[in-house]
Amino acid sequence: MTAEDQPGVWATVNDLHLSVAAVPEPSTYGMLLGGLGLVGYMARRKARKA
């Protein structure tokens, strides 16, 4: 009999292993540079209006 057959019984994970990448992926750097570029653009645009 499995956990799905019994009402009120939930299957659990006993050995959960999470791995962390030591080096970020290139897309992470791309998103970071894109975001910083947008922030810089907005700051420069705001400074010109004032």
C-alpha atoms as a PDB file:
ATOM      1  CA  MET A   1       0.000   0.000   0.000  1.00  0.00           C
ATOM      2  CA  THR A   2       1.440   3.383  -0.997  1.00  0.00           C
ATOM      3  CA  ALA A   3       0.974   6.870   0.470  1.00  0.00           C
ATOM      4  CA  GLU A   4      -1.466   7.713  -2.349  1.00  0.00           C
ATOM      5  CA  ASP A   5      -3.790   4.893  -1.273  1.00  0.00           C
ATOM      6  CA  GLN A   6      -4.162   6.091   2.316  1.00  0.00           C
ATOM      7  CA  PRO A   7      -6.083   9.316   3.016  1.00  0.00           C
ATOM      8  CA  GLY A   8      -4.245  11.774   5.241  1.00  0.00           C
ATOM      9  CA  VAL A   9      -0.806  10.276   4.566  1.00  0.00           C
ATOM     10  CA  TRP A  10       1.674  12.482   2.731  1.00  0.00           C
ATOM     11  CA  ALA A  11       4.803  11.337   0.990  1.00  0.00           C
ATOM     12  CA  THR A  12       7.945  13.024   2.365  1.00  0.00           C
ATOM     13  CA  VAL A  13      11.472  13.579   1.108  1.00  0.00           C
ATOM     14  CA  ASN A  14      14.064  12.268   3.542  1.00  0.00           C
ATOM     15  CA  ASP A  15      17.244  13.167   1.709  1.00  0.00           C
ATOM     16  CA  LEU A  16      16.973  16.633   0.163  1.00  0.00           C
ATOM     17  CA  HIS A  17      20.196  17.920  -1.332  1.00  0.00           C
ATOM     18  CA  LEU A  18      20.451  21.428  -2.738  1.00  0.00           C
ATOM     19  CA  SER A  19      23.364  22.342  -4.952  1.00  0.00           C
ATOM     20  CA  VAL A  20      24.610  25.899  -5.337  1.00  0.00           C
ATOM     21  CA  ALA A  21      26.436  27.002  -8.457  1.00  0.00           C
ATOM     22  CA  ALA A  22      29.767  28.598  -7.604  1.00  0.00           C
ATOM     23  CA  VAL A  23      29.881  30.665 -10.799  1.00  0.00           C
ATOM     24  CA  PRO A  24      26.802  32.577 -12.031  1.00  0.00           C
ATOM     25  CA  GLU A  25      25.565  31.868 -15.522  1.00  0.00           C
ATOM     26  CA  PRO A  26      26.286  34.374 -18.306  1.00  0.00           C
ATOM     27  CA  SER A  27      22.602  35.311 -18.455  1.00  0.00           C
ATOM     28  CA  THR A  28      22.853  36.497 -14.845  1.00  0.00           C
ATOM     29  CA  TYR A  29      25.610  38.913 -15.792  1.00  0.00           C
ATOM     30  CA  GLY A  30      23.602  40.036 -18.818  1.00  0.00           C
ATOM     31  CA  MET A  31      20.538  40.803 -16.705  1.00  0.00           C
ATOM     32  CA  LEU A  32      22.700  42.661 -14.168  1.00  0.00           C
ATOM     33  CA  LEU A  33      24.354  44.800 -16.845  1.00  0.00           C
ATOM     34  CA  GLY A  34      21.021  45.463 -18.542  1.00  0.00           C
ATOM     35  CA  GLY A  35      19.447  46.572 -15.267  1.00  0.00           C
ATOM     36  CA  LEU A  36      22.373  48.811 -14.390  1.00  0.00           C
ATOM     37  CA  GLY A  37      22.226  50.332 -17.858  1.00  0.00           C
ATOM     38  CA  LEU A  38      18.525  51.129 -17.456  1.00  0.00           C
ATOM     39  CA  VAL A  39      19.109  52.672 -14.027  1.00  0.00           C
ATOM     40  CA  GLY A  40      21.942  54.799 -15.432  1.00  0.00           C
ATOM     41  CA  TYR A  41      19.805  55.876 -18.371  1.00  0.00           C
ATOM     42  CA  MET A  42      16.927  56.913 -16.100  1.00  0.00           C
ATOM     43  CA  ALA A  43      19.282  58.811 -13.767  1.00  0.00           C
ATOM     44  CA  ARG A  44      20.840  60.671 -16.687  1.00  0.00           C
ATOM     45  CA  ARG A  45      17.426  61.466 -18.146  1.00  0.00           C
ATOM     46  CA  LYS A  46      16.209  62.793 -14.803  1.00  0.00           C
ATOM     47  CA  ALA A  47      19.360  64.926 -14.355  1.00  0.00           C
ATOM     48  CA  ARG A  48      18.844  66.571 -17.783  1.00  0.00           C
ATOM     49  CA  LYS A  49      15.265  67.590 -16.919  1.00  0.00           C
ATOM     50  CA  ALA A  50      16.295  69.343 -13.715  1.00  0.00           C
END
